[in-house]
Amino acid sequence: MAQAGKIQDSLRVLPVVRREAAAWQTSSRFYQLAADSLWRSNELNLEAVRATQAAFEGQMQLTQNEFAKANAWQRKARKRGFLNWLLLAGAGGAAYLFIH
């Protein structure tokens, strides 16, 4: 008799357990979909970061090249200015010597 009562209680509870199991499985699927979505989003963000980093490195290289060009032009301008000063001083000195 006790065994029959236990079986009857199990049969009464079985539909509830099945509904809860189905709900847990559905929740599990939704959590897995959310985890997959977050994983893909993370991968896309990492790709974007890598692309931005590559673009930044390219921009840094361009900036360094432009600084090198600017420094070369400044050296040429200083050299040209010094040569112009020497030429002017020489012409002034020659004019002074020619006048006196």
Protein backbone atom coordinates (compact mmCIF):
# COMPACT_ATOMS: atom_id res chain seq x y z
CA MET A 1 0.00 0.00 0.00
CA ALA A 2 2.80 2.43 0.86
CA GLN A 3 4.47 1.61 -2.44
CA ALA A 4 1.26 2.34 -4.34
CA GLY A 5 1.01 5.74 -2.61
CA LYS A 6 4.58 6.60 -3.61
CA ILE A 7 3.91 5.60 -7.20
CA GLN A 8 0.71 7.65 -7.24
CA ASP A 9 2.57 10.70 -5.84
CA SER A 10 5.30 10.23 -8.47
CA LEU A 11 2.71 10.04 -11.25
CA ARG A 12 1.02 13.20 -9.92
CA VAL A 13 4.33 15.09 -9.79
CA LEU A 14 5.69 13.76 -13.12
CA PRO A 15 3.87 16.30 -15.38
CA VAL A 16 5.13 19.16 -13.20
CA VAL A 17 8.68 17.83 -13.37
CA ARG A 18 8.39 17.44 -17.14
CA ARG A 19 7.13 21.05 -17.52
CA GLU A 20 9.97 22.30 -15.33
CA ALA A 21 12.49 20.25 -17.30
CA ALA A 22 11.15 21.67 -20.55
CA ALA A 23 11.33 25.19 -19.10
CA TRP A 24 14.93 24.59 -18.00
CA GLN A 25 15.84 23.28 -21.44
CA THR A 26 14.24 26.32 -23.10
CA SER A 27 16.09 28.65 -20.73
CA SER A 28 19.29 26.77 -21.42
CA ARG A 29 18.84 27.25 -25.18
CA PHE A 30 18.17 30.97 -24.73
CA TYR A 31 21.24 31.34 -22.50
CA GLN A 32 23.34 29.48 -25.05
CA LEU A 33 22.06 31.75 -27.85
CA ALA A 34 22.84 34.81 -25.72
CA ALA A 35 26.32 33.47 -24.94
CA ASP A 36 26.96 32.77 -28.63
CA SER A 37 25.75 36.25 -29.53
CA LEU A 38 28.01 37.85 -26.91
CA TRP A 39 30.94 35.73 -28.08
CA ARG A 40 30.45 36.87 -31.68
CA SER A 41 30.05 40.47 -30.56
CA ASN A 42 33.31 40.18 -28.65
CA GLU A 43 35.06 38.77 -31.72
CA LEU A 44 33.73 41.65 -33.85
CA ASN A 45 34.91 44.16 -31.25
CA LEU A 46 38.36 42.57 -31.23
CA GLU A 47 38.49 42.76 -35.03
CA ALA A 48 37.51 46.44 -34.85
CA VAL A 49 40.19 47.11 -32.24
CA ARG A 50 42.81 45.35 -34.37
CA ALA A 51 41.76 47.33 -37.46
CA THR A 52 41.89 50.59 -35.50
CA GLN A 53 45.29 49.67 -34.12
CA ALA A 54 46.59 48.90 -37.61
CA ALA A 55 45.23 52.21 -38.90
CA PHE A 56 46.85 54.02 -35.96
CA GLU A 57 50.20 52.36 -36.67
CA GLY A 58 49.92 53.38 -40.32
CA GLN A 59 49.10 56.94 -39.28
CA MET A 60 52.09 56.96 -36.90
CA GLN A 61 54.35 55.84 -39.75
CA LEU A 62 53.01 58.62 -42.00
CA THR A 63 53.51 61.17 -39.21
CA GLN A 64 57.09 60.04 -38.66
CA ASN A 65 57.77 60.31 -42.39
CA GLU A 66 56.31 63.82 -42.47
CA PHE A 67 58.43 64.86 -39.48
CA ALA A 68 61.52 63.50 -41.22
CA LYS A 69 60.65 65.48 -44.37
CA ALA A 70 60.02 68.64 -42.33
CA ASN A 71 63.37 68.26 -40.56
CA ALA A 72 65.16 67.78 -43.88
CA TRP A 73 63.51 70.92 -45.28
CA GLN A 74 64.43 72.89 -42.15
CA ARG A 75 68.08 71.80 -42.49
CA LYS A 76 68.07 72.88 -46.14
CA ALA A 77 66.47 76.23 -45.24
CA ARG A 78 69.03 76.87 -42.48
CA LYS A 79 71.86 75.98 -44.84
CA ARG A 80 70.42 78.22 -47.54
CA GLY A 81 69.96 81.06 -45.03
CA PHE A 82 73.56 80.70 -43.84
CA LEU A 83 74.85 80.70 -47.41
CA ASN A 84 72.73 83.77 -48.19
CA TRP A 85 74.15 85.50 -45.13
CA LEU A 86 77.71 84.63 -46.21
CA LEU A 87 77.00 85.89 -49.72
CA LEU A 88 75.54 89.14 -48.39
CA ALA A 89 78.45 89.63 -45.99
CA GLY A 90 80.92 88.91 -48.80
CA ALA A 91 79.16 91.32 -51.14
CA GLY A 92 79.06 93.97 -48.41
CA GLY A 93 82.74 93.42 -47.66
CA ALA A 94 83.63 93.60 -51.35
CA ALA A 95 81.57 96.78 -51.74
CA TYR A 96 83.32 98.28 -48.69
CA LEU A 97 86.75 97.39 -50.08
CA PHE A 98 85.78 98.69 -53.52
CA ILE A 99 84.59 102.01 -52.09
CA HIS A 100 87.67 102.55 -49.92
